[in-house]
Structures are given as structure tokens and as C-alpha cells.
Protein backbone atom coordinates (compact mmCIF):
# COMPACT_ATOMS: atom_id res chain seq x y z
CA MET A 1 0.00 0.00 0.00
CA LEU A 2 1.17 3.48 -0.87
CA ASP A 3 -0.86 5.24 1.81
CA THR A 4 0.63 6.24 5.11
CA THR A 5 -0.58 7.77 8.34
CA ALA A 6 0.40 11.29 9.32
CA ARG A 7 -0.10 13.06 12.64
CA SER A 8 -1.50 16.59 12.69
CA GLU A 9 -2.55 18.91 15.50
CA THR A 10 -5.48 21.24 14.81
CA PRO A 11 -5.47 24.88 15.98
CA GLU A 12 -7.76 23.75 18.84
CA GLY A 13 -5.08 21.35 20.08
CA VAL A 14 -6.76 18.13 18.92
CA ASP A 15 -4.38 15.42 17.75
CA LEU A 16 -5.45 13.84 14.46
CA GLN A 17 -4.18 10.68 12.84
CA LEU A 18 -4.71 11.21 9.10
CA ARG A 19 -4.56 8.27 6.72
CA LEU A 20 -3.21 9.94 3.60
CA ALA A 21 -4.62 9.08 0.18
CA GLY A 22 -2.02 7.88 -2.31
CA PRO A 23 -1.80 8.34 -6.10
CA LEU A 24 -3.90 5.27 -7.00
CA VAL A 25 -7.06 6.17 -5.12
CA ARG A 26 -6.73 9.83 -6.11
CA ALA A 27 -6.43 8.79 -9.77
CA GLN A 28 -9.60 6.71 -9.41
CA ALA A 29 -11.41 9.73 -7.96
CA TRP A 30 -10.13 11.89 -10.84
CA VAL A 31 -11.41 9.40 -13.45
CA TYR A 32 -14.79 9.29 -11.70
CA ASP A 33 -15.03 13.10 -11.82
CA LEU A 34 -13.82 13.15 -15.43
CA VAL A 35 -16.60 10.80 -16.50
CA LEU A 36 -19.20 13.00 -14.78
CA ARG A 37 -17.84 16.11 -16.48
CA VAL A 38 -17.74 14.45 -19.92
CA LEU A 39 -21.36 13.37 -19.51
CA ALA A 40 -22.28 16.93 -18.56
CA TYR A 41 -20.38 18.32 -21.55
CA GLY A 42 -22.19 15.91 -23.86
CA ALA A 43 -25.58 16.97 -22.51
CA ILE A 44 -24.71 20.68 -22.83
CA THR A 45 -23.45 20.45 -26.40
CA GLY A 46 -26.31 18.15 -27.40
CA VAL A 47 -28.86 20.74 -26.32
CA LEU A 48 -27.10 23.95 -27.40
CA ALA A 49 -25.99 22.60 -30.77
CA TYR A 50 -29.51 23.30 -32.05
CA LEU A 51 -28.83 27.03 -31.60
CA GLY A 52 -26.08 27.02 -34.20
CA ARG A 53 -22.86 28.98 -33.75
CA PHE A 54 -24.30 30.94 -30.86
CA GLY A 55 -25.15 27.71 -29.07
CA TRP A 56 -21.67 26.32 -29.62
CA GLY A 57 -20.18 29.51 -28.19
CA VAL A 58 -22.32 29.29 -25.07
CA ALA A 59 -21.45 25.60 -24.76
CA LEU A 60 -17.72 26.34 -24.87
CA VAL A 61 -18.08 28.99 -22.15
CA LEU A 62 -20.04 26.60 -19.94
CA ILE A 63 -17.54 23.79 -20.49
CA PHE A 64 -14.67 26.13 -19.55
CA LEU A 65 -16.43 27.25 -16.37
CA ILE A 66 -17.34 23.70 -15.34
CA GLU A 67 -13.83 22.42 -15.99
CA TRP A 68 -12.29 24.99 -13.65
CA LEU A 69 -15.03 25.55 -11.09
CA TYR A 70 -16.23 21.96 -10.66
CA PRO A 71 -13.48 20.81 -8.24
CA PHE A 72 -13.26 24.18 -6.48
CA TRP A 73 -17.01 24.41 -5.80
CA PHE A 74 -17.39 20.83 -4.60
CA GLU A 75 -14.30 20.89 -2.39
CA LEU A 76 -15.35 24.19 -0.83
CA ARG A 77 -19.07 23.42 -0.38
CA ARG A 78 -19.05 19.65 0.15
CA GLY A 79 -16.53 19.06 2.88
CA GLY A 80 -13.42 18.98 0.70
CA ALA A 81 -14.73 16.25 -1.60
CA THR A 82 -15.79 16.19 -5.23
CA PRO A 83 -18.21 13.38 -6.18
CA GLY A 84 -15.20 11.29 -7.20
CA LYS A 85 -13.40 11.87 -3.91
CA ARG A 86 -16.59 11.13 -1.97
CA ALA A 87 -17.04 7.87 -3.88
CA MET A 88 -13.49 6.86 -2.96
CA GLY A 89 -13.93 7.95 0.66
CA ILE A 90 -11.29 10.70 0.55
CA TYR A 91 -11.32 14.48 0.96
CA ALA A 92 -9.03 17.52 0.87
CA LEU A 93 -8.19 19.46 4.02
CA GLN A 94 -5.60 21.91 5.35
CA ASP A 95 -2.29 20.33 6.31
CA ASN A 96 -2.93 21.26 9.97
CA GLY A 97 -6.11 19.18 10.00
CA ALA A 98 -8.50 22.14 9.67
CA PRO A 99 -11.30 22.19 7.06
CA LEU A 100 -10.36 23.37 3.59
CA GLU A 101 -10.36 27.17 3.17
CA TRP A 102 -11.56 28.88 0.01
CA ARG A 103 -8.15 30.36 -0.83
CA ALA A 104 -6.51 26.96 -0.52
CA ALA A 105 -9.27 25.28 -2.55
CA LEU A 106 -8.88 27.87 -5.30
CA LEU A 107 -5.08 27.73 -5.40
CA ARG A 108 -4.76 23.93 -5.38
CA ASN A 109 -7.19 23.69 -8.29
CA LEU A 110 -5.70 26.53 -10.33
CA LEU A 111 -2.37 24.71 -10.19
CA ARG A 112 -3.87 21.53 -11.62
CA ALA A 113 -2.68 22.75 -15.03
CA VAL A 114 0.93 22.71 -13.80
CA ASP A 115 0.59 19.33 -12.11
CA PHE A 116 -0.94 17.88 -15.29
CA ALA A 117 2.25 18.59 -17.29
CA PRO A 118 3.64 17.06 -19.39
CA VAL A 119 0.72 14.60 -19.60
CA LEU A 120 -1.76 12.91 -17.25
CA TYR A 121 -0.48 14.61 -14.08
CA GLY A 122 3.06 13.42 -14.68
CA LEU A 123 4.66 16.25 -12.72
CA GLY A 124 2.08 15.88 -9.96
CA LEU A 125 2.83 12.17 -9.60
CA VAL A 126 6.56 12.84 -9.32
CA THR A 127 5.96 15.50 -6.67
CA MET A 128 3.63 13.20 -4.72
CA ALA A 129 6.26 10.47 -4.75
CA VAL A 130 9.02 12.66 -3.30
CA THR A 131 7.15 14.73 -0.71
CA GLY A 132 6.39 11.85 1.66
CA ARG A 133 2.83 13.13 2.25
CA PHE A 134 1.50 12.60 -1.29
CA GLN A 135 1.27 16.32 -2.00
CA ARG A 136 1.30 17.53 -5.57
CA LEU A 137 2.50 21.06 -6.36
CA GLY A 138 -0.98 22.45 -5.84
CA ASP A 139 -1.13 20.88 -2.39
CA LEU A 140 2.29 22.24 -1.45
CA ALA A 141 1.40 25.76 -2.57
CA ALA A 142 -2.00 25.71 -0.86
CA GLY A 143 -0.89 23.87 2.29
CA THR A 144 -3.35 21.01 1.78
CA LEU A 145 -3.50 17.24 2.06
CA VAL A 146 -5.84 14.54 0.75
CA ALA A 147 -6.81 11.91 3.32
CA TYR A 148 -9.29 9.13 3.85
CA ARG A 149 -12.48 10.18 5.59
CA GLU A 150 -12.88 8.19 8.76
CA ASP A 151 -16.39 7.09 9.67
CA ALA A 152 -17.88 9.19 12.42
CA ALA A 153 -17.96 7.26 15.68
CA SER A 154 -20.03 7.76 18.74
CA ALA A 155 -18.46 9.80 21.49
CA PRO A 156 -16.01 7.65 23.47
CA GLU A 157 -16.42 7.04 27.13
CA ALA A 158 -13.75 7.92 29.63
CA ALA A 159 -10.99 5.33 29.71
CA GLY A 160 -11.44 2.52 32.20
CA GLY A 161 -9.96 2.96 35.66
CA PRO A 162 -10.88 3.89 39.21
CA ALA A 163 -13.87 6.12 39.87
CA GLN A 164 -14.15 8.70 42.61
CA ALA A 165 -16.93 11.00 43.73
CA PRO A 166 -16.01 14.70 43.44
CA PRO A 167 -15.30 16.51 46.72
CA VAL A 168 -18.36 18.76 46.26
CA PRO A 169 -21.70 18.21 44.46
CA LEU A 170 -21.62 19.50 40.89
CA GLY A 171 -24.40 21.25 39.01
CA LEU A 172 -25.76 19.75 35.81
CA ALA A 173 -23.72 22.08 33.59
CA GLU A 174 -20.54 21.22 35.53
CA GLN A 175 -21.26 17.51 35.22
CA GLN A 176 -21.73 17.85 31.47
CA ALA A 177 -18.50 19.84 31.15
CA LEU A 178 -16.66 17.19 33.14
CA LEU A 179 -17.95 14.37 30.93
CA ALA A 180 -17.15 16.33 27.77
CA PHE A 181 -13.57 16.75 28.99
CA ALA A 182 -13.29 13.01 29.70
CA GLU A 183 -14.74 12.02 26.33
CA ARG A 184 -12.41 14.30 24.36
CA GLY A 185 -9.34 13.67 26.47
CA GLY A 186 -7.96 10.92 24.26
CA ALA A 187 -8.08 13.15 21.18
CA LEU A 188 -6.34 16.12 22.79
CA SER A 189 -2.65 16.81 22.95
CA PRO A 190 -1.10 16.64 26.45
CA ALA A 191 -0.66 20.41 26.52
CA ARG A 192 -4.29 21.01 25.62
CA ARG A 193 -5.49 18.46 28.20
CA ALA A 194 -3.48 20.23 30.90
CA GLU A 195 -4.87 23.59 29.79
CA LEU A 196 -8.47 22.38 30.01
CA ALA A 197 -7.82 20.64 33.32
CA ALA A 198 -6.58 23.95 34.70
CA VAL A 199 -9.94 25.53 33.79
CA LEU A 200 -11.71 22.88 35.87
CA SER A 201 -9.15 23.09 38.68
CA PRO A 202 -11.63 24.70 41.16
CA LEU A 203 -13.22 21.25 41.38
CA LEU A 204 -10.00 19.72 42.69
CA PRO A 205 -8.68 19.59 46.23
CA ASP A 206 -5.49 21.53 46.82
CA GLU A 207 -3.42 18.39 47.46
CA GLU A 208 -4.38 16.71 44.14
CA PRO A 209 -1.09 16.17 42.20
CA ASP A 210 -2.59 15.21 38.80
CA GLY A 211 -5.56 17.35 37.87
CA ALA A 212 -6.34 15.66 34.56
CA GLU A 213 -6.40 12.18 36.10
CA ALA A 214 -8.57 13.37 38.99
CA LEU A 215 -11.11 14.77 36.55
CA GLN A 216 -11.14 11.44 34.72
CA ARG A 217 -11.93 9.66 38.01
CA TYR A 218 -14.80 12.06 38.71
CA ALA A 219 -16.13 11.54 35.18
CA ARG A 220 -16.08 7.75 35.64
CA TRP A 221 -18.04 8.17 38.85
CA TYR A 222 -20.71 10.22 37.04
CA GLN A 223 -20.82 7.73 34.17
CA GLY A 224 -22.04 5.15 36.67
CA ALA A 225 -25.19 7.19 37.37
CA ALA A 226 -27.57 9.47 35.47
CA LEU A 227 -26.77 13.15 35.43
CA THR A 228 -28.64 14.98 38.14
CA ASP A 229 -29.03 18.58 39.14
CA PRO A 230 -28.46 18.95 42.89
CA ASP A 231 -30.41 22.20 42.86
């Protein structure tokens, strides 16, 4: 397999494991999109040809716009994925794990003409092979990656371990915040976990040495019973 896994940390401090899409699956997505565009071009010319030279002129303008705006519009408005990418289960995103921005979507698609040279994305394939993250020139210029879209999973529970009742009763909103911290803890970088634990530090006794672990124990205790509002 040509695909590899890359680690990225989002601006919010969430650690992501991205399974990068290699040249083969990206080529399959490109062929899928090409077939859709060719079918659209055939329908456009078939209808407008009846209008003579004027119709052919309009058809050429529409074909030009579709050819250049098709990937940009879909990647920007459909979660980084054209129909071909969606069919292959891949999508484009920023190289820091953030959703694709419009400037990046525009730039990576404008540079398709360069990556296509000298034929059939030859330069793009060479660039993808040497970058280590399967980035063609458009990806490098725009700061983007193409990765597999992982299936959304239900929110994880706090990791197994000892449970402990908090030193003081917590309100419903505090309980929910505590459980949210525990559920997201595994996806956060250590620095971000410590930062969030510091926000919840008023819940901890002064002698508690490990705030993040104490909050996990409190969350496990609440997971054993329904959330209640002491007020």
C-alpha cells in the first residue's frame, strides 16, 4: 500500500491521525469526476448545438467554467470532496487538520494545469512520490492534504480505571462539562489536556497532584449514574 498515516494537530489542540490518500485512489477519484464532467459536456453540447454557432459559443463557455469551477465548488461546499473523492472515501483538508479554506481550494485547483504537465499529471505524480505526504504542487502551494475520511464514531467514554466522587456536588452544567472533557481527552494533545484541566481546577482539592487524572476519576463516577441537578 502506498498510503501512510500522518499526525497533525489542529489549531484547537486536537491530535489527528490522518490516513493519507495515495496516487492510485486519487487517480480513481479523478477518473470518476472526469466521466461526470464528460457526460455533462455531452448533454450541454447536445442541447445547445440546435442554436447554431451561438449555441456552440455558449457551450464552450459553460464547459470552460465547469472544468475549472467543478473541483473548487465541490471541495469548498461539500466538505473537501468532489463526487469522485466522496465515492473513494477521501477528501481535501488543510495540512494542519483544519477544514479546507476557500483560498486553498482555489489555489490547489488553479495549479492543476501545472501538475498535469507534461501529460496525465506526470509532474504531480513525481511530486507526490518525493514529498512523503503525497502532496502535488498544488497541495504544497496551498498547504493542503488529501486523506481518507474516517467514519464518524459515537463519542467515546472515559478510559477505564478507578472512579471517585467529586469533593463537592456539581451542578448539571458542571457535570456535562466534566464528561465532555473526559470524552475528548484521548483526542487532545497533552498540553491542551493540561490547559483544560486547569480551567476545571476549582473542582480539585489543593493536594491533588494530577488534575487531569482526577477529573477522569470524577467523570467515571458520574458515568455510573444518570446526570442529576443537585439544585
